[in-house]
PDB file of N, CA and C in Angstrom:
ATOM      1  N   UNK A   1       0.703  -1.244   0.318  1.00  0.00           N
ATOM      2  CA  UNK A   1      -0.180  -0.036   0.111  1.00  0.00           C
ATOM      3  C   UNK A   1       0.966   1.436   0.186  1.00  0.00           C
ATOM      4  N   UNK A   2       0.026   2.599  -0.646  1.00  0.00           N
ATOM      5  CA  UNK A   2       1.019   3.621  -0.897  1.00  0.00           C
ATOM      6  C   UNK A   2       0.286   4.092  -0.142  1.00  0.00           C
ATOM      7  N   UNK A   3       1.151   5.386   0.376  1.00  0.00           N
ATOM      8  CA  UNK A   3       0.246   6.682   0.749  1.00  0.00           C
ATOM      9  C   UNK A   3       0.351   7.631  -0.274  1.00  0.00           C
ATOM     10  N   UNK A   4      -0.397   8.531  -0.284  1.00  0.00           N
ATOM     11  CA  UNK A   4      -0.998   9.999  -0.815  1.00  0.00           C
ATOM     12  C   UNK A   4      -1.446  10.768  -0.351  1.00  0.00           C
ATOM     13  N   UNK A   5      -1.252  12.416   0.074  1.00  0.00           N
ATOM     14  CA  UNK A   5      -1.386  13.091   0.437  1.00  0.00           C
ATOM     15  C   UNK A   5      -2.171  14.436  -0.601  1.00  0.00           C
ATOM     16  N   UNK A   6      -3.212  14.634  -0.168  1.00  0.00           N
ATOM     17  CA  UNK A   6      -4.413  15.006  -0.884  1.00  0.00           C
ATOM     18  C   UNK A   6      -4.463  16.987  -0.226  1.00  0.00           C
ATOM     19  N   UNK A   7      -3.831  17.906  -0.843  1.00  0.00           N
ATOM     20  CA  UNK A   7      -4.407  18.904  -0.253  1.00  0.00           C
ATOM     21  C   UNK A   7      -5.742  19.440  -1.595  1.00  0.00           C
ATOM     22  N   UNK A   8      -6.496  19.938  -0.052  1.00  0.00           N
ATOM     23  CA  UNK A   8      -7.531  21.259  -1.729  1.00  0.00           C
ATOM     24  C   UNK A   8      -7.961  22.436  -1.439  1.00  0.00           C
ATOM     25  N   UNK A   9      -7.459  23.212  -2.426  1.00  0.00           N
ATOM     26  CA  UNK A   9      -7.553  25.061  -2.424  1.00  0.00           C
ATOM     27  C   UNK A   9      -9.424  24.969  -2.392  1.00  0.00           C
ATOM     28  N   UNK A  10      -9.685  25.731  -1.554  1.00  0.00           N
ATOM     29  CA  UNK A  10     -11.220  26.082  -1.935  1.00  0.00           C
ATOM     30  C   UNK A  10     -10.792  27.269  -2.802  1.00  0.00           C
ATOM     31  N   UNK A  11     -11.926  26.926  -4.268  1.00  0.00           N
ATOM     32  CA  UNK A  11     -11.528  28.049  -5.526  1.00  0.00           C
ATOM     33  C   UNK A  11     -12.778  28.571  -5.520  1.00  0.00           C
ATOM     34  N   UNK A  12     -14.068  28.709  -4.791  1.00  0.00           N
ATOM     35  CA  UNK A  12     -15.179  29.363  -5.049  1.00  0.00           C
ATOM     36  C   UNK A  12     -15.152  30.397  -3.127  1.00  0.00           C
ATOM     37  N   UNK A  13     -16.072  31.494  -3.923  1.00  0.00           N
ATOM     38  CA  UNK A  13     -16.089  32.286  -2.446  1.00  0.00           C
ATOM     39  C   UNK A  13     -17.603  31.727  -2.713  1.00  0.00           C
ATOM     40  N   UNK A  14     -17.998  32.406  -1.464  1.00  0.00           N
ATOM     41  CA  UNK A  14     -19.410  31.997  -0.881  1.00  0.00           C
ATOM     42  C   UNK A  14     -19.982  31.023  -0.815  1.00  0.00           C
ATOM     43  N   UNK A  15     -19.221  30.148  -0.255  1.00  0.00           N
ATOM     44  CA  UNK A  15     -19.463  28.739   0.442  1.00  0.00           C
ATOM     45  C   UNK A  15     -20.239  28.750   1.659  1.00  0.00           C
ATOM     46  N   UNK A  16     -21.010  27.612   1.932  1.00  0.00           N
ATOM     47  CA  UNK A  16     -21.443  27.663   3.133  1.00  0.00           C
ATOM     48  C   UNK A  16     -21.247  26.397   3.787  1.00  0.00           C
ATOM     49  N   UNK A  17     -21.871  26.117   4.751  1.00  0.00           N
ATOM     50  CA  UNK A  17     -21.388  24.818   5.308  1.00  0.00           C
ATOM     51  C   UNK A  17     -22.221  23.412   4.703  1.00  0.00           C
ATOM     52  N   UNK A  18     -23.384  23.991   4.850  1.00  0.00           N
ATOM     53  CA  UNK A  18     -24.347  23.495   3.953  1.00  0.00           C
ATOM     54  C   UNK A  18     -24.137  22.435   2.075  1.00  0.00           C
ATOM     55  N   UNK A  19     -23.423  23.903   1.578  1.00  0.00           N
ATOM     56  CA  UNK A  19     -23.045  23.399   0.681  1.00  0.00           C
ATOM     57  C   UNK A  19     -21.475  22.517   1.139  1.00  0.00           C
ATOM     58  N   UNK A  20     -20.883  22.205   1.629  1.00  0.00           N
ATOM     59  CA  UNK A  20     -20.213  21.418   2.053  1.00  0.00           C
ATOM     60  C   UNK A  20     -20.514  19.921   2.494  1.00  0.00           C
ATOM     61  N   UNK A  21     -21.557  19.853   2.648  1.00  0.00           N
ATOM     62  CA  UNK A  21     -21.967  18.851   4.046  1.00  0.00           C
ATOM     63  C   UNK A  21     -21.900  17.438   2.942  1.00  0.00           C
ATOM     64  N   UNK A  22     -21.974  17.462   0.982  1.00  0.00           N
ATOM     65  CA  UNK A  22     -21.960  16.545   0.705  1.00  0.00           C
ATOM     66  C   UNK A  22     -19.906  15.677   0.826  1.00  0.00           C
ATOM     67  N   UNK A  23     -19.094  16.654   1.050  1.00  0.00           N
ATOM     68  CA  UNK A  23     -17.638  16.386   0.726  1.00  0.00           C
ATOM     69  C   UNK A  23     -18.049  15.945   1.866  1.00  0.00           C
ATOM     70  N   UNK A  24     -18.140  16.377   3.468  1.00  0.00           N
ATOM     71  CA  UNK A  24     -18.183  15.869   4.946  1.00  0.00           C
ATOM     72  C   UNK A  24     -18.533  14.441   4.605  1.00  0.00           C
ATOM     73  N   UNK A  25     -19.491  14.464   4.036  1.00  0.00           N
ATOM     74  CA  UNK A  25     -20.181  13.003   3.890  1.00  0.00           C
ATOM     75  C   UNK A  25     -19.186  11.966   3.110  1.00  0.00           C
ATOM     76  N   UNK A  26     -18.718  12.214   2.240  1.00  0.00           N
ATOM     77  CA  UNK A  26     -18.358  11.287   1.263  1.00  0.00           C
ATOM     78  C   UNK A  26     -16.647  10.998   2.303  1.00  0.00           C
ATOM     79  N   UNK A  27     -15.777  12.047   2.901  1.00  0.00           N
ATOM     80  CA  UNK A  27     -14.739  11.945   3.470  1.00  0.00           C
ATOM     81  C   UNK A  27     -14.955  10.556   4.950  1.00  0.00           C
ATOM     82  N   UNK A  28     -16.591  10.969   5.327  1.00  0.00           N
ATOM     83  CA  UNK A  28     -16.721  10.054   6.572  1.00  0.00           C
ATOM     84  C   UNK A  28     -16.536   8.675   5.863  1.00  0.00           C
ATOM     85  N   UNK A  29     -17.527   8.755   4.239  1.00  0.00           N
ATOM     86  CA  UNK A  29     -17.793   7.509   3.518  1.00  0.00           C
ATOM     87  C   UNK A  29     -16.593   6.481   3.293  1.00  0.00           C
ATOM     88  N   UNK A  30     -14.853   7.002   3.123  1.00  0.00           N
ATOM     89  CA  UNK A  30     -13.637   7.105   2.931  1.00  0.00           C
ATOM     90  C   UNK A  30     -12.814   6.591   3.991  1.00  0.00           C
ATOM     91  N   UNK A  31     -13.379   7.179   5.138  1.00  0.00           N
ATOM     92  CA  UNK A  31     -12.612   6.643   6.187  1.00  0.00           C
ATOM     93  C   UNK A  31     -13.637   5.128   6.872  1.00  0.00           C
ATOM     94  N   UNK A  32     -14.405   5.144   6.570  1.00  0.00           N
ATOM     95  CA  UNK A  32     -15.519   4.086   7.367  1.00  0.00           C
ATOM     96  C   UNK A  32     -14.757   2.529   6.316  1.00  0.00           C
ATOM     97  N   UNK A  33     -14.034   3.226   5.375  1.00  0.00           N
ATOM     98  CA  UNK A  33     -14.023   1.792   4.331  1.00  0.00           C
ATOM     99  C   UNK A  33     -12.257   1.590   4.423  1.00  0.00           C
ATOM    100  N   UNK A  34     -12.206   2.658   5.089  1.00  0.00           N
ATOM    101  CA  UNK A  34     -10.380   2.688   5.811  1.00  0.00           C
ATOM    102  C   UNK A  34      -9.803   3.015   4.672  1.00  0.00           C
ATOM    103  N   UNK A  35      -9.606   4.130   3.887  1.00  0.00           N
ATOM    104  CA  UNK A  35      -8.677   4.636   2.327  1.00  0.00           C
ATOM    105  C   UNK A  35      -8.032   6.019   3.245  1.00  0.00           C
ATOM    106  N   UNK A  36      -8.803   6.705   3.975  1.00  0.00           N
ATOM    107  CA  UNK A  36      -8.040   7.952   4.319  1.00  0.00           C
ATOM    108  C   UNK A  36      -7.657   7.592   5.998  1.00  0.00           C
ATOM    109  N   UNK A  37      -6.835   8.528   5.518  1.00  0.00           N
ATOM    110  CA  UNK A  37      -5.872   8.131   7.470  1.00  0.00           C
ATOM    111  C   UNK A  37      -6.167   9.172   8.068  1.00  0.00           C
ATOM    112  N   UNK A  38      -6.603  10.217   7.794  1.00  0.00           N
ATOM    113  CA  UNK A  38      -6.554  11.570   8.286  1.00  0.00           C
ATOM    114  C   UNK A  38      -7.080  12.464   7.526  1.00  0.00           C
ATOM    115  N   UNK A  39      -8.477  13.732   7.684  1.00  0.00           N
ATOM    116  CA  UNK A  39      -8.433  14.565   7.567  1.00  0.00           C
ATOM    117  C   UNK A  39      -9.033  15.467   8.136  1.00  0.00           C
ATOM    118  N   UNK A  40      -8.624  17.028   7.407  1.00  0.00           N
ATOM    119  CA  UNK A  40      -9.832  17.479   8.199  1.00  0.00           C
ATOM    120  C   UNK A  40      -9.073  19.313   7.106  1.00  0.00           C
ATOM    121  N   UNK A  41     -10.214  20.001   8.169  1.00  0.00           N
ATOM    122  CA  UNK A  41      -9.690  21.303   7.335  1.00  0.00           C
ATOM    123  C   UNK A  41      -8.451  22.032   7.672  1.00  0.00           C
ATOM    124  N   UNK A  42      -8.038  23.011   7.112  1.00  0.00           N
ATOM    125  CA  UNK A  42      -7.290  24.024   7.280  1.00  0.00           C
ATOM    126  C   UNK A  42      -7.497  25.524   8.008  1.00  0.00           C
ATOM    127  N   UNK A  43      -6.805  25.749   8.908  1.00  0.00           N
ATOM    128  CA  UNK A  43      -7.769  26.765  10.208  1.00  0.00           C
ATOM    129  C   UNK A  43      -7.537  28.400   9.531  1.00  0.00           C
ATOM    130  N   UNK A  44      -6.531  28.460   8.485  1.00  0.00           N
ATOM    131  CA  UNK A  44      -5.272  29.728   8.213  1.00  0.00           C
ATOM    132  C   UNK A  44      -7.007  30.257   7.733  1.00  0.00           C
ATOM    133  N   UNK A  45      -6.511  31.647   6.779  1.00  0.00           N
ATOM    134  CA  UNK A  45      -8.098  32.458   6.489  1.00  0.00           C
ATOM    135  C   UNK A  45      -7.869  32.154   5.057  1.00  0.00           C
ATOM    136  N   UNK A  46      -6.893  31.145   3.705  1.00  0.00           N
ATOM    137  CA  UNK A  46      -7.107  30.368   2.938  1.00  0.00           C
ATOM    138  C   UNK A  46      -7.784  29.478   2.350  1.00  0.00           C
ATOM    139  N   UNK A  47      -8.029  28.944   3.767  1.00  0.00           N
ATOM    140  CA  UNK A  47      -8.992  27.863   4.126  1.00  0.00           C
ATOM    141  C   UNK A  47      -8.614  26.189   2.873  1.00  0.00           C
ATOM    142  N   UNK A  48      -9.403  25.820   2.848  1.00  0.00           N
ATOM    143  CA  UNK A  48      -9.068  24.245   1.887  1.00  0.00           C
ATOM    144  C   UNK A  48      -8.648  23.212   3.074  1.00  0.00           C
ATOM    145  N   UNK A  49      -8.205  22.497   2.710  1.00  0.00           N
ATOM    146  CA  UNK A  49      -8.198  21.210   3.484  1.00  0.00           C
ATOM    147  C   UNK A  49      -7.164  19.916   2.711  1.00  0.00           C
ATOM    148  N   UNK A  50      -6.570  18.716   4.206  1.00  0.00           N
ATOM    149  CA  UNK A  50      -5.915  17.969   3.491  1.00  0.00           C
ATOM    150  C   UNK A  50      -6.485  16.629   4.192  1.00  0.00           C
ATOM    151  N   UNK A  51      -5.977  15.641   2.723  1.00  0.00           N
ATOM    152  CA  UNK A  51      -6.374  14.420   3.559  1.00  0.00           C
ATOM    153  C   UNK A  51      -5.370  13.714   3.118  1.00  0.00           C
ATOM    154  N   UNK A  52      -4.887  12.328   4.145  1.00  0.00           N
ATOM    155  CA  UNK A  52      -3.906  10.748   3.632  1.00  0.00           C
ATOM    156  C   UNK A  52      -5.578  10.141   3.127  1.00  0.00           C
ATOM    157  N   UNK A  53      -4.929   9.318   2.015  1.00  0.00           N
ATOM    158  CA  UNK A  53      -5.521   8.092   0.915  1.00  0.00           C
ATOM    159  C   UNK A  53      -4.399   7.185   1.734  1.00  0.00           C
ATOM    160  N   UNK A  54      -5.099   5.911   1.578  1.00  0.00           N
ATOM    161  CA  UNK A  54      -4.073   4.512   1.553  1.00  0.00           C
ATOM    162  C   UNK A  54      -4.610   3.739   1.278  1.00  0.00           C
ATOM    163  N   UNK A  55      -3.576   3.891  -0.621  1.00  0.00           N
ATOM    164  CA  UNK A  55      -4.588   2.830  -1.661  1.00  0.00           C
ATOM    165  C   UNK A  55      -3.022   2.143  -2.681  1.00  0.00           C
ATOM    166  N   UNK A  56      -3.754   1.345  -3.291  1.00  0.00           N
ATOM    167  CA  UNK A  56      -2.682   0.805  -3.925  1.00  0.00           C
ATOM    168  C   UNK A  56      -1.841   1.340  -5.400  1.00  0.00           C
ATOM    169  N   UNK A  57      -2.093   2.453  -5.477  1.00  0.00           N
ATOM    170  CA  UNK A  57      -2.024   3.150  -6.576  1.00  0.00           C
ATOM    171  C   UNK A  57      -2.182   5.019  -6.401  1.00  0.00           C
ATOM    172  N   UNK A  58      -1.753   5.702  -7.500  1.00  0.00           N
ATOM    173  CA  UNK A  58      -1.769   6.414  -7.645  1.00  0.00           C
ATOM    174  C   UNK A  58      -3.019   6.833  -8.364  1.00  0.00           C
ATOM    175  N   UNK A  59      -3.096   5.823  -9.139  1.00  0.00           N
ATOM    176  CA  UNK A  59      -4.451   6.027 -10.193  1.00  0.00           C
ATOM    177  C   UNK A  59      -6.009   5.794  -9.146  1.00  0.00           C
ATOM    178  N   UNK A  60      -5.694   4.705  -8.309  1.00  0.00           N
ATOM    179  CA  UNK A  60      -6.272   4.933  -7.616  1.00  0.00           C
ATOM    180  C   UNK A  60      -6.820   6.341  -6.096  1.00  0.00           C
ATOM    181  N   UNK A  61      -6.021   6.572  -5.899  1.00  0.00           N
ATOM    182  CA  UNK A  61      -5.715   8.048  -5.301  1.00  0.00           C
ATOM    183  C   UNK A  61      -6.013   8.919  -5.613  1.00  0.00           C
ATOM    184  N   UNK A  62      -5.983   9.643  -7.397  1.00  0.00           N
ATOM    185  CA  UNK A  62      -6.464   9.920  -8.119  1.00  0.00           C
ATOM    186  C   UNK A  62      -7.983  10.023  -8.375  1.00  0.00           C
ATOM    187  N   UNK A  63      -8.100   8.783  -8.792  1.00  0.00           N
ATOM    188  CA  UNK A  63      -9.687   8.575  -9.359  1.00  0.00           C
ATOM    189  C   UNK A  63     -10.788   9.418  -7.086  1.00  0.00           C
ATOM    190  N   UNK A  64     -10.116   8.063  -6.414  1.00  0.00           N
ATOM    191  CA  UNK A  64     -11.150   8.835  -4.883  1.00  0.00           C
ATOM    192  C   UNK A  64     -10.941  10.208  -4.861  1.00  0.00           C
ATOM    193  N   UNK A  65     -10.196  10.970  -4.646  1.00  0.00           N
ATOM    194  CA  UNK A  65     -10.103  12.913  -4.530  1.00  0.00           C
ATOM    195  C   UNK A  65     -10.710  13.103  -5.359  1.00  0.00           C
ATOM    196  N   UNK A  66     -10.773  12.356  -6.868  1.00  0.00           N
ATOM    197  CA  UNK A  66     -11.593  13.268  -8.020  1.00  0.00           C
ATOM    198  C   UNK A  66     -12.885  12.918  -8.129  1.00  0.00           C
ATOM    199  N   UNK A  67     -13.323  12.245  -7.023  1.00  0.00           N
ATOM    200  CA  UNK A  67     -15.007  11.651  -6.833  1.00  0.00           C
ATOM    201  C   UNK A  67     -15.694  12.498  -5.535  1.00  0.00           C
ATOM    202  N   UNK A  68     -15.123  13.153  -4.899  1.00  0.00           N
ATOM    203  CA  UNK A  68     -15.306  14.270  -3.515  1.00  0.00           C
ATOM    204  C   UNK A  68     -16.458  15.270  -4.280  1.00  0.00           C
ATOM    205  N   UNK A  69     -17.061  15.066  -3.772  1.00  0.00           N
ATOM    206  CA  UNK A  69     -18.738  16.030  -4.626  1.00  0.00           C
ATOM    207  C   UNK A  69     -18.072  17.750  -4.040  1.00  0.00           C
ATOM    208  N   UNK A  70     -17.034  18.079  -3.683  1.00  0.00           N
ATOM    209  CA  UNK A  70     -16.741  19.002  -3.504  1.00  0.00           C
ATOM    210  C   UNK A  70     -15.855  19.345  -4.811  1.00  0.00           C
ATOM    211  N   UNK A  71     -15.023  18.589  -5.172  1.00  0.00           N
ATOM    212  CA  UNK A  71     -14.174  18.632  -6.534  1.00  0.00           C
ATOM    213  C   UNK A  71     -14.663  18.648  -8.041  1.00  0.00           C
ATOM    214  N   UNK A  72     -16.077  17.716  -8.174  1.00  0.00           N
ATOM    215  CA  UNK A  72     -17.089  17.654  -9.115  1.00  0.00           C
ATOM    216  C   UNK A  72     -17.612  18.418  -9.175  1.00  0.00           C
ATOM    217  N   UNK A  73     -18.199  19.518  -7.839  1.00  0.00           N
ATOM    218  CA  UNK A  73     -19.092  20.630  -8.075  1.00  0.00           C
ATOM    219  C   UNK A  73     -18.275  21.814  -8.429  1.00  0.00           C
ATOM    220  N   UNK A  74     -16.909  22.060  -8.430  1.00  0.00           N
ATOM    221  CA  UNK A  74     -16.019  22.992  -8.516  1.00  0.00           C
ATOM    222  C   UNK A  74     -15.238  23.774  -6.951  1.00  0.00           C
ATOM    223  N   UNK A  75     -15.907  23.158  -6.196  1.00  0.00           N
ATOM    224  CA  UNK A  75     -15.576  24.270  -5.050  1.00  0.00           C
ATOM    225  C   UNK A  75     -14.315  24.027  -5.018  1.00  0.00           C
ATOM    226  N   UNK A  76     -13.734  23.138  -4.697  1.00  0.00           N
ATOM    227  CA  UNK A  76     -12.634  22.510  -4.098  1.00  0.00           C
ATOM    228  C   UNK A  76     -11.726  22.008  -5.581  1.00  0.00           C
ATOM    229  N   UNK A  77     -10.332  22.421  -5.260  1.00  0.00           N
ATOM    230  CA  UNK A  77      -9.123  22.011  -6.757  1.00  0.00           C
ATOM    231  C   UNK A  77      -7.999  20.635  -5.439  1.00  0.00           C
ATOM    232  N   UNK A  78      -7.420  19.985  -6.532  1.00  0.00           N
ATOM    233  CA  UNK A  78      -6.796  19.130  -5.506  1.00  0.00           C
ATOM    234  C   UNK A  78      -5.612  19.279  -5.697  1.00  0.00           C
ATOM    235  N   UNK A  79      -4.586  19.082  -5.362  1.00  0.00           N
ATOM    236  CA  UNK A  79      -3.471  18.448  -5.447  1.00  0.00           C
ATOM    237  C   UNK A  79      -2.527  16.905  -4.836  1.00  0.00           C
ATOM    238  N   UNK A  80      -2.213  16.150  -5.651  1.00  0.00           N
ATOM    239  CA  UNK A  80      -2.293  15.036  -5.400  1.00  0.00           C
ATOM    240  C   UNK A  80      -0.877  14.918  -4.895  1.00  0.00           C
ATOM    241  N   UNK A  81      -0.048  14.068  -4.012  1.00  0.00           N
ATOM    242  CA  UNK A  81       0.936  14.227  -3.843  1.00  0.00           C
ATOM    243  C   UNK A  81       1.904  12.246  -3.381  1.00  0.00           C
ATOM    244  N   UNK A  82       2.679  11.832  -3.448  1.00  0.00           N
ATOM    245  CA  UNK A  82       3.224  10.730  -2.649  1.00  0.00           C
ATOM    246  C   UNK A  82       3.523  10.755  -1.395  1.00  0.00           C
ATOM    247  N   UNK A  83       3.102  10.454  -0.140  1.00  0.00           N
ATOM    248  CA  UNK A  83       3.358  10.847   1.279  1.00  0.00           C
ATOM    249  C   UNK A  83       4.193   9.758   1.331  1.00  0.00           C
ATOM    250  N   UNK A  84       4.897   9.738   2.059  1.00  0.00           N
ATOM    251  CA  UNK A  84       6.301   8.737   2.950  1.00  0.00           C
ATOM    252  C   UNK A  84       5.710   9.191   4.297  1.00  0.00           C
ATOM    253  N   UNK A  85       4.989   7.998   4.318  1.00  0.00           N
ATOM    254  CA  UNK A  85       4.494   8.116   6.285  1.00  0.00           C
ATOM    255  C   UNK A  85       5.580   7.309   7.197  1.00  0.00           C
ATOM    256  N   UNK A  86       6.566   8.207   7.882  1.00  0.00           N
ATOM    257  CA  UNK A  86       7.056   7.749   8.694  1.00  0.00           C
ATOM    258  C   UNK A  86       6.575   7.672   9.643  1.00  0.00           C
ATOM    259  N   UNK A  87       5.894   8.223  10.710  1.00  0.00           N
ATOM    260  CA  UNK A  87       5.704   8.344  12.382  1.00  0.00           C
ATOM    261  C   UNK A  87       4.257   8.581  12.030  1.00  0.00           C
ATOM    262  N   UNK A  88       3.434   8.299  13.039  1.00  0.00           N
ATOM    263  CA  UNK A  88       2.021   8.176  13.551  1.00  0.00           C
ATOM    264  C   UNK A  88       1.663   7.682  14.600  1.00  0.00           C
ATOM    265  N   UNK A  89       1.396   8.801  15.421  1.00  0.00           N
ATOM    266  CA  UNK A  89       0.967   8.659  16.865  1.00  0.00           C
ATOM    267  C   UNK A  89       0.041   7.901  17.194  1.00  0.00           C
ATOM    268  N   UNK A  90       0.111   6.644  18.008  1.00  0.00           N
ATOM    269  CA  UNK A  90      -0.727   5.785  18.353  1.00  0.00           C
ATOM    270  C   UNK A  90      -1.857   6.127  19.164  1.00  0.00           C
TER     271      UNK A  90
END
């Protein structure tokens, strides 16, 4: 298995929490499937967020990230990078 860090930049203004509900539900779904290791929003004013996927390939990571409803609707833009997870607090 490989890890991929997916940072997501907010690319639309005027986004409400209600508009992000499908995104949050999708993240919960991926966590339940065991492919998301960690996920959450950034706290700075640029907004957006990050999650780390544990998958078999870059293609799988890209497919999962691109199927995020907020990406499909143009709210978020993905940046996907291979991630070398060395340390994880237990």
